[in-house]
Protein backbone atom coordinates (compact mmCIF):
# COMPACT_ATOMS: atom_id res chain seq x y z
CA UNK A 1 -17.53 -86.80 47.32
CA UNK A 2 -17.14 -89.64 49.79
CA UNK A 3 -13.77 -91.19 50.48
CA UNK A 4 -13.35 -94.88 49.70
CA UNK A 5 -13.34 -97.21 52.68
CA UNK A 6 -11.36 -100.44 52.81
CA UNK A 7 -12.91 -103.00 55.14
CA UNK A 8 -10.89 -106.04 56.12
CA UNK A 9 -13.03 -109.04 57.07
CA UNK A 10 -12.77 -112.78 57.49
CA UNK A 11 -15.37 -115.25 56.24
CA UNK A 12 -17.33 -116.69 59.15
CA UNK A 13 -16.44 -113.85 61.53
CA UNK A 14 -19.53 -112.96 63.61
CA UNK A 15 -18.25 -109.41 64.22
CA UNK A 16 -17.86 -108.89 60.46
CA UNK A 17 -21.36 -110.19 59.83
CA UNK A 18 -22.73 -107.84 62.49
CA UNK A 19 -20.81 -104.90 60.97
CA UNK A 20 -22.28 -105.65 57.52
CA UNK A 21 -25.77 -105.83 59.04
CA UNK A 22 -25.23 -102.43 60.67
CA UNK A 23 -24.05 -101.09 57.30
CA UNK A 24 -27.30 -102.22 55.65
CA UNK A 25 -29.40 -100.74 58.46
CA UNK A 26 -27.54 -97.42 58.37
CA UNK A 27 -27.83 -97.13 54.59
CA UNK A 28 -31.59 -97.69 54.89
CA UNK A 29 -31.85 -95.04 57.61
CA UNK A 30 -29.50 -92.53 55.94
CA UNK A 31 -29.72 -92.62 52.12
CA UNK A 32 -26.64 -90.36 51.85
CA UNK A 33 -24.53 -93.19 53.29
CA UNK A 34 -25.10 -95.13 50.07
CA UNK A 35 -22.60 -92.72 48.46
CA UNK A 36 -19.80 -94.32 50.49
CA UNK A 37 -18.02 -97.11 48.61
CA UNK A 38 -16.67 -99.98 50.69
CA UNK A 39 -13.94 -102.22 49.30
CA UNK A 40 -14.59 -105.35 51.37
CA UNK A 41 -11.59 -107.66 51.44
CA UNK A 42 -11.44 -111.11 53.02
CA UNK A 43 -8.00 -111.29 54.62
CA UNK A 44 -7.78 -115.05 54.01
CA UNK A 45 -8.24 -114.53 50.26
CA UNK A 46 -5.81 -111.57 50.11
CA UNK A 47 -3.07 -112.56 52.60
CA UNK A 48 -0.33 -110.36 51.09
CA UNK A 49 -2.52 -107.29 51.33
CA UNK A 50 -3.61 -108.21 54.86
CA UNK A 51 0.01 -108.65 55.96
CA UNK A 52 0.90 -105.22 54.56
CA UNK A 53 -1.66 -103.45 56.76
CA UNK A 54 -1.34 -102.57 60.44
CA UNK A 55 -4.18 -104.39 62.21
CA UNK A 56 -4.85 -107.51 64.26
CA UNK A 57 -8.62 -107.92 64.43
CA UNK A 58 -11.51 -107.90 61.98
CA UNK A 59 -13.50 -106.08 60.97
CA UNK A 60 -11.07 -103.23 60.41
CA UNK A 61 -11.90 -100.09 58.46
CA UNK A 62 -9.33 -97.91 56.68
CA UNK A 63 -9.95 -94.56 55.00
CA UNK A 64 -7.15 -93.20 52.83
CA UNK A 65 -4.80 -95.78 54.35
CA UNK A 66 -5.55 -94.65 57.91
CA UNK A 67 -7.11 -97.11 60.34
CA UNK A 68 -10.48 -95.79 61.52
CA UNK A 69 -11.76 -98.74 63.55
CA UNK A 70 -10.53 -102.21 64.45
CA UNK A 71 -12.34 -105.15 66.01
CA UNK A 72 -15.84 -105.73 67.35
CA UNK A 73 -18.25 -102.94 66.41
CA UNK A 74 -21.38 -101.25 67.59
CA UNK A 75 -23.81 -99.57 65.22
CA UNK A 76 -22.41 -96.25 66.44
CA UNK A 77 -18.87 -97.35 65.48
CA UNK A 78 -20.00 -98.18 61.96
CA UNK A 79 -21.84 -94.87 61.67
CA UNK A 80 -18.60 -93.11 62.65
CA UNK A 81 -16.92 -94.76 59.67
CA UNK A 82 -19.61 -93.40 57.34
CA UNK A 83 -19.29 -89.92 58.84
CA UNK A 84 -15.50 -89.98 58.45
CA UNK A 85 -15.83 -91.09 54.83
CA UNK A 86 -18.23 -88.25 54.10
CA UNK A 87 -16.25 -85.54 55.91
């Protein structure tokens, strides 16, 4: 069973939009990645939660409360998040 991933984003962030596009591409290429559930949270809409987490840049991915990636992403970075969630 895949671990749940928390993804912190900010509306209008080009890096977040790119990360979401990579997520769609990867799920199309690897059907098993669709088993990974992402809780996508806009830090501006959930400021208390955002302040309670240790990160500075979006997008940031957490698995089981542990930061996996922070900031601008490549497709490879996003795939690493999927692999960590499935391991």
